[in-house]
N, C-alpha and C. Protein backbone atom coordinates (compact mmCIF):
# COMPACT_ATOMS: atom_id res chain seq x y z
N UNK A 1 -5.37 -19.14 -16.23
CA UNK A 1 -6.31 -18.35 -15.33
C UNK A 1 -6.98 -19.53 -14.32
N UNK A 2 -6.95 -20.74 -14.84
CA UNK A 2 -7.64 -21.85 -14.03
C UNK A 2 -6.81 -21.99 -12.59
N UNK A 3 -5.53 -21.84 -12.52
CA UNK A 3 -4.79 -22.15 -11.25
C UNK A 3 -5.13 -20.66 -10.43
N UNK A 4 -5.11 -19.52 -11.00
CA UNK A 4 -5.69 -18.43 -10.28
C UNK A 4 -6.92 -18.52 -9.64
N UNK A 5 -7.94 -18.92 -10.55
CA UNK A 5 -9.41 -19.12 -9.93
C UNK A 5 -9.44 -20.27 -8.94
N UNK A 6 -8.81 -21.18 -9.16
CA UNK A 6 -8.84 -22.28 -8.03
C UNK A 6 -8.17 -21.89 -6.73
N UNK A 7 -7.08 -21.17 -7.05
CA UNK A 7 -6.39 -20.39 -5.65
C UNK A 7 -7.35 -19.40 -5.09
N UNK A 8 -7.95 -18.70 -5.60
CA UNK A 8 -8.86 -17.80 -5.32
C UNK A 8 -10.17 -18.57 -4.39
N UNK A 9 -10.53 -19.62 -4.76
CA UNK A 9 -11.71 -20.44 -4.30
C UNK A 9 -11.02 -20.83 -2.98
N UNK A 10 -9.83 -21.26 -2.95
CA UNK A 10 -9.24 -21.85 -1.45
C UNK A 10 -9.20 -20.50 -0.60
N UNK A 11 -8.74 -19.43 -1.09
CA UNK A 11 -8.31 -18.20 -0.32
C UNK A 11 -9.87 -17.73 0.30
N UNK A 12 -10.88 -17.87 -0.71
CA UNK A 12 -12.06 -17.41 -0.19
C UNK A 12 -12.78 -18.24 0.95
N UNK A 13 -12.27 -19.55 0.80
CA UNK A 13 -12.86 -20.51 1.72
C UNK A 13 -11.95 -20.52 3.04
N UNK A 14 -11.06 -19.69 3.21
CA UNK A 14 -10.30 -19.56 4.27
C UNK A 14 -9.00 -20.64 4.43
N UNK A 15 -8.62 -21.12 3.15
CA UNK A 15 -7.42 -21.97 3.18
C UNK A 15 -6.35 -21.50 2.50
N UNK A 16 -5.65 -20.39 2.94
CA UNK A 16 -4.53 -19.80 2.24
C UNK A 16 -3.45 -20.70 2.05
N UNK A 17 -3.23 -21.73 2.71
CA UNK A 17 -2.14 -22.66 2.65
C UNK A 17 -2.24 -23.37 1.47
N UNK A 18 -3.56 -23.78 1.02
CA UNK A 18 -3.79 -24.35 -0.16
C UNK A 18 -3.87 -23.52 -1.40
N UNK A 19 -4.17 -22.24 -1.33
CA UNK A 19 -4.12 -21.32 -2.40
C UNK A 19 -2.83 -20.90 -2.83
N UNK A 20 -1.84 -20.82 -1.75
CA UNK A 20 -0.60 -20.36 -2.10
C UNK A 20 0.24 -21.11 -3.40
N UNK A 21 0.19 -22.37 -3.21
CA UNK A 21 0.99 -23.19 -4.36
C UNK A 21 0.18 -22.95 -5.67
N UNK A 22 -1.16 -22.81 -5.58
CA UNK A 22 -1.78 -22.61 -6.94
C UNK A 22 -1.54 -21.15 -7.45
N UNK A 23 -1.53 -20.42 -6.73
CA UNK A 23 -1.08 -18.83 -7.01
C UNK A 23 0.33 -18.82 -7.74
N UNK A 24 1.31 -19.56 -7.02
CA UNK A 24 2.69 -19.54 -7.51
C UNK A 24 2.61 -20.34 -8.95
N UNK A 25 1.76 -21.17 -9.00
CA UNK A 25 1.84 -22.05 -10.34
C UNK A 25 1.26 -21.03 -11.45
N UNK A 26 0.42 -20.20 -11.09
CA UNK A 26 -0.13 -19.29 -12.13
C UNK A 26 0.73 -18.23 -12.22
N UNK A 27 1.32 -17.61 -11.26
CA UNK A 27 2.46 -16.76 -11.45
C UNK A 27 3.62 -17.21 -12.45
N UNK A 28 3.98 -18.66 -12.24
CA UNK A 28 5.09 -19.06 -13.07
C UNK A 28 4.53 -18.99 -14.61
N UNK A 29 3.40 -19.47 -14.81
CA UNK A 29 2.82 -19.54 -16.11
C UNK A 29 2.68 -17.95 -16.83
N UNK A 30 2.23 -17.07 -15.99
CA UNK A 30 2.18 -15.77 -16.56
C UNK A 30 3.53 -15.13 -16.95
N UNK A 31 4.50 -15.52 -15.97
CA UNK A 31 5.78 -14.92 -16.29
C UNK A 31 6.49 -15.69 -17.71
N UNK A 32 5.95 -16.72 -17.94
CA UNK A 32 6.64 -17.47 -19.01
C UNK A 32 5.73 -16.81 -20.35
N UNK A 33 4.51 -16.50 -20.06
CA UNK A 33 3.76 -16.18 -21.33
C UNK A 33 4.30 -14.98 -22.10
N UNK A 34 4.90 -14.08 -21.52
CA UNK A 34 5.45 -12.84 -22.01
C UNK A 34 5.79 -11.75 -21.26
N UNK A 35 5.55 -10.55 -21.74
CA UNK A 35 5.89 -9.42 -21.02
C UNK A 35 4.95 -9.20 -19.92
N UNK A 36 5.46 -8.98 -18.69
CA UNK A 36 4.69 -8.86 -17.40
C UNK A 36 3.72 -7.70 -17.67
N UNK A 37 2.64 -7.96 -17.13
CA UNK A 37 1.52 -6.98 -17.10
C UNK A 37 0.28 -7.15 -16.32
N UNK A 38 -0.83 -6.60 -16.54
CA UNK A 38 -1.85 -6.85 -15.74
C UNK A 38 -2.27 -8.20 -15.16
N UNK A 39 -2.13 -9.15 -15.91
CA UNK A 39 -2.48 -10.50 -15.23
C UNK A 39 -1.52 -11.10 -14.24
N UNK A 40 -0.23 -10.79 -14.68
CA UNK A 40 0.75 -11.10 -13.44
C UNK A 40 0.61 -10.24 -12.26
N UNK A 41 0.29 -8.97 -12.39
CA UNK A 41 -0.05 -8.11 -11.40
C UNK A 41 -1.16 -8.66 -10.54
N UNK A 42 -2.20 -9.08 -11.25
CA UNK A 42 -3.27 -9.72 -10.44
C UNK A 42 -2.97 -10.87 -9.64
N UNK A 43 -2.32 -11.74 -10.20
CA UNK A 43 -1.92 -12.88 -9.47
C UNK A 43 -0.89 -12.72 -8.29
N UNK A 44 0.05 -11.77 -8.59
CA UNK A 44 0.93 -11.13 -7.46
C UNK A 44 0.05 -10.60 -6.28
N UNK A 45 -1.04 -9.75 -6.74
CA UNK A 45 -1.81 -9.19 -5.67
C UNK A 45 -2.63 -10.30 -4.94
N UNK A 46 -3.14 -11.08 -5.53
CA UNK A 46 -3.77 -12.28 -5.00
C UNK A 46 -2.91 -13.27 -3.85
N UNK A 47 -1.79 -13.48 -4.62
CA UNK A 47 -0.79 -14.17 -3.82
C UNK A 47 -0.50 -13.49 -2.60
N UNK A 48 -0.32 -12.06 -2.58
CA UNK A 48 -0.17 -11.24 -1.43
C UNK A 48 -1.31 -11.37 -0.41
N UNK A 49 -2.37 -11.41 -0.88
CA UNK A 49 -3.61 -11.45 0.10
C UNK A 49 -3.57 -12.94 0.66
N UNK A 50 -3.17 -13.97 -0.11
CA UNK A 50 -3.02 -15.19 0.59
C UNK A 50 -1.95 -15.28 1.63
N UNK A 51 -0.80 -14.60 1.39
CA UNK A 51 0.08 -14.71 2.35
C UNK A 51 -0.12 -13.87 3.48
N UNK A 52 -0.94 -12.93 3.43
CA UNK A 52 -1.39 -12.01 4.64
C UNK A 52 -2.25 -12.87 5.26
N UNK A 53 -3.27 -13.52 4.63
CA UNK A 53 -4.13 -14.52 5.42
C UNK A 53 -3.51 -15.55 6.24
N UNK A 54 -2.25 -15.93 5.59
CA UNK A 54 -1.43 -17.00 6.19
C UNK A 54 -0.47 -16.34 7.28
N UNK A 55 -0.60 -15.15 7.48
CA UNK A 55 0.33 -14.52 8.54
C UNK A 55 1.50 -14.07 8.18
N UNK A 56 1.69 -14.02 6.91
CA UNK A 56 3.19 -13.65 6.20
C UNK A 56 3.04 -12.25 5.72
N UNK A 57 3.06 -11.44 6.64
CA UNK A 57 2.87 -9.97 6.24
C UNK A 57 3.95 -9.30 5.57
N UNK A 58 5.17 -9.76 5.84
CA UNK A 58 6.32 -9.11 5.11
C UNK A 58 6.35 -9.61 3.57
N UNK A 59 6.16 -10.84 3.54
CA UNK A 59 6.19 -11.43 2.20
C UNK A 59 4.87 -11.03 1.38
N UNK A 60 3.86 -10.94 2.14
CA UNK A 60 2.69 -10.17 1.42
C UNK A 60 2.88 -8.86 0.87
N UNK A 61 3.45 -7.96 1.54
CA UNK A 61 3.92 -6.67 1.20
C UNK A 61 4.83 -6.71 0.06
N UNK A 62 5.67 -7.62 -0.06
CA UNK A 62 6.63 -7.76 -1.10
C UNK A 62 5.88 -8.05 -2.60
N UNK A 63 4.91 -9.04 -2.45
CA UNK A 63 4.09 -9.35 -3.57
C UNK A 63 3.28 -8.19 -4.04
N UNK A 64 2.71 -7.59 -3.16
CA UNK A 64 1.83 -6.46 -3.40
C UNK A 64 2.40 -5.20 -4.13
N UNK A 65 3.79 -5.07 -3.65
CA UNK A 65 4.49 -3.93 -4.21
C UNK A 65 5.16 -4.36 -5.49
N UNK A 66 5.33 -5.70 -5.69
CA UNK A 66 5.73 -6.03 -7.19
C UNK A 66 4.36 -5.73 -8.00
N UNK A 67 3.45 -6.04 -7.64
CA UNK A 67 2.18 -5.92 -8.39
C UNK A 67 1.94 -4.36 -8.75
N UNK A 68 2.05 -3.58 -7.73
CA UNK A 68 1.88 -2.09 -7.98
C UNK A 68 2.86 -1.67 -9.02
N UNK A 69 4.28 -2.11 -8.82
CA UNK A 69 5.27 -1.63 -9.80
C UNK A 69 4.99 -2.21 -11.33
N UNK A 70 4.64 -3.32 -11.42
CA UNK A 70 4.15 -3.77 -12.64
C UNK A 70 3.03 -3.03 -13.33
N UNK A 71 2.03 -2.47 -12.53
CA UNK A 71 0.96 -1.84 -13.07
C UNK A 71 1.60 -0.42 -13.36
N UNK A 72 2.21 0.07 -12.56
CA UNK A 72 2.97 1.35 -12.90
C UNK A 72 3.69 1.54 -14.14
N UNK A 73 4.19 0.37 -14.42
CA UNK A 73 5.07 0.34 -15.73
C UNK A 73 4.48 0.03 -16.83
N UNK A 74 2.99 -0.57 -16.79
CA UNK A 74 2.34 -1.01 -17.77
C UNK A 74 1.75 0.14 -18.77
N UNK A 75 2.08 1.15 -18.26
CA UNK A 75 1.38 2.53 -19.21
C UNK A 75 0.10 2.91 -18.47
N UNK A 76 -0.11 4.21 -18.74
CA UNK A 76 -1.51 4.97 -18.21
C UNK A 76 -2.57 4.10 -18.91
N UNK A 77 -3.70 3.93 -18.08
CA UNK A 77 -5.03 3.39 -18.46
C UNK A 77 -4.93 1.91 -18.99
N UNK A 78 -3.88 1.15 -18.55
CA UNK A 78 -3.78 -0.16 -18.95
C UNK A 78 -4.91 -1.13 -18.51
N UNK A 79 -5.59 -1.84 -19.37
CA UNK A 79 -6.51 -2.69 -19.02
C UNK A 79 -6.24 -4.03 -19.64
N UNK A 80 -6.33 -5.02 -18.77
CA UNK A 80 -5.98 -6.48 -19.02
C UNK A 80 -6.79 -6.98 -20.48
N UNK A 81 -6.18 -7.50 -21.27
CA UNK A 81 -6.84 -8.20 -22.35
C UNK A 81 -7.16 -9.60 -21.87
N UNK A 82 -8.29 -10.09 -22.02
CA UNK A 82 -8.60 -11.45 -21.68
C UNK A 82 -8.99 -11.76 -20.07
N UNK A 83 -8.97 -10.41 -19.36
CA UNK A 83 -9.35 -10.69 -17.85
C UNK A 83 -10.73 -11.00 -17.72
N UNK A 84 -11.00 -11.76 -16.77
CA UNK A 84 -12.39 -12.34 -16.60
C UNK A 84 -13.41 -11.03 -16.57
N UNK A 85 -14.66 -11.25 -16.78
CA UNK A 85 -15.54 -10.06 -16.82
C UNK A 85 -15.79 -9.53 -15.54
N UNK A 86 -15.74 -8.51 -15.28
CA UNK A 86 -15.97 -7.75 -13.91
C UNK A 86 -14.68 -7.42 -13.21
N UNK A 87 -13.63 -8.13 -13.67
CA UNK A 87 -12.27 -7.82 -12.80
C UNK A 87 -11.67 -6.48 -13.39
N UNK A 88 -11.32 -5.81 -12.48
CA UNK A 88 -10.73 -4.52 -12.75
C UNK A 88 -9.28 -4.54 -12.43
N UNK A 89 -8.54 -4.92 -13.34
CA UNK A 89 -6.93 -5.16 -13.13
C UNK A 89 -6.35 -4.10 -14.08
N UNK A 90 -5.32 -3.41 -13.62
CA UNK A 90 -4.40 -2.68 -14.51
C UNK A 90 -4.78 -1.00 -14.48
N UNK A 91 -5.76 -0.65 -14.12
CA UNK A 91 -6.04 0.81 -14.22
C UNK A 91 -5.67 1.45 -12.91
N UNK A 92 -4.58 2.16 -12.88
CA UNK A 92 -4.22 2.79 -11.69
C UNK A 92 -3.96 4.30 -11.68
N UNK A 93 -4.25 4.81 -12.83
CA UNK A 93 -3.96 6.18 -13.07
C UNK A 93 -5.26 7.20 -12.70
N UNK A 94 -6.38 6.66 -12.37
CA UNK A 94 -7.41 7.39 -12.07
C UNK A 94 -8.00 8.44 -13.05
N UNK A 95 -7.48 8.53 -14.25
CA UNK A 95 -7.76 9.35 -15.23
C UNK A 95 -9.17 8.91 -15.92
N UNK A 96 -10.28 9.34 -15.05
CA UNK A 96 -11.61 9.28 -15.71
C UNK A 96 -12.39 8.02 -15.46
N UNK A 97 -11.95 7.17 -14.53
CA UNK A 97 -12.61 5.93 -14.25
C UNK A 97 -12.31 4.82 -15.35
N UNK A 98 -13.06 3.85 -15.14
CA UNK A 98 -12.83 2.51 -15.85
C UNK A 98 -13.65 2.62 -17.20
N UNK A 99 -13.02 2.00 -18.23
CA UNK A 99 -13.73 1.86 -19.59
C UNK A 99 -15.12 1.68 -19.46
N UNK A 100 -16.14 2.49 -20.08
CA UNK A 100 -17.54 2.13 -19.83
C UNK A 100 -18.10 2.94 -18.85
N UNK A 101 -17.37 3.57 -17.89
CA UNK A 101 -17.80 4.31 -16.63
C UNK A 101 -17.40 5.99 -16.80
N UNK A 102 -17.03 6.28 -17.91
CA UNK A 102 -16.65 7.50 -18.20
C UNK A 102 -17.86 8.48 -18.37
């Protein structure tokens, strides 16, 4: 998660070109950890935002669609274990809101 967080910092600071290699490193690690799920979807989505900020709209769309596909196949009501507090990753079914908000 450290690579993803450092990448997010660069993205927030307006440096997508510095964020992209870090997002890609985080993606590589998440892919190696096991079954694809919400954490990988999160980094794909963030990578998509960095690509969009870098003017690479077609590549950004591809990353974001991959993230959506991962979440859609993670099962209804999926919530990432180990996600940073306050991050809402994984719930796309709209069934009753987020845990704790029902």
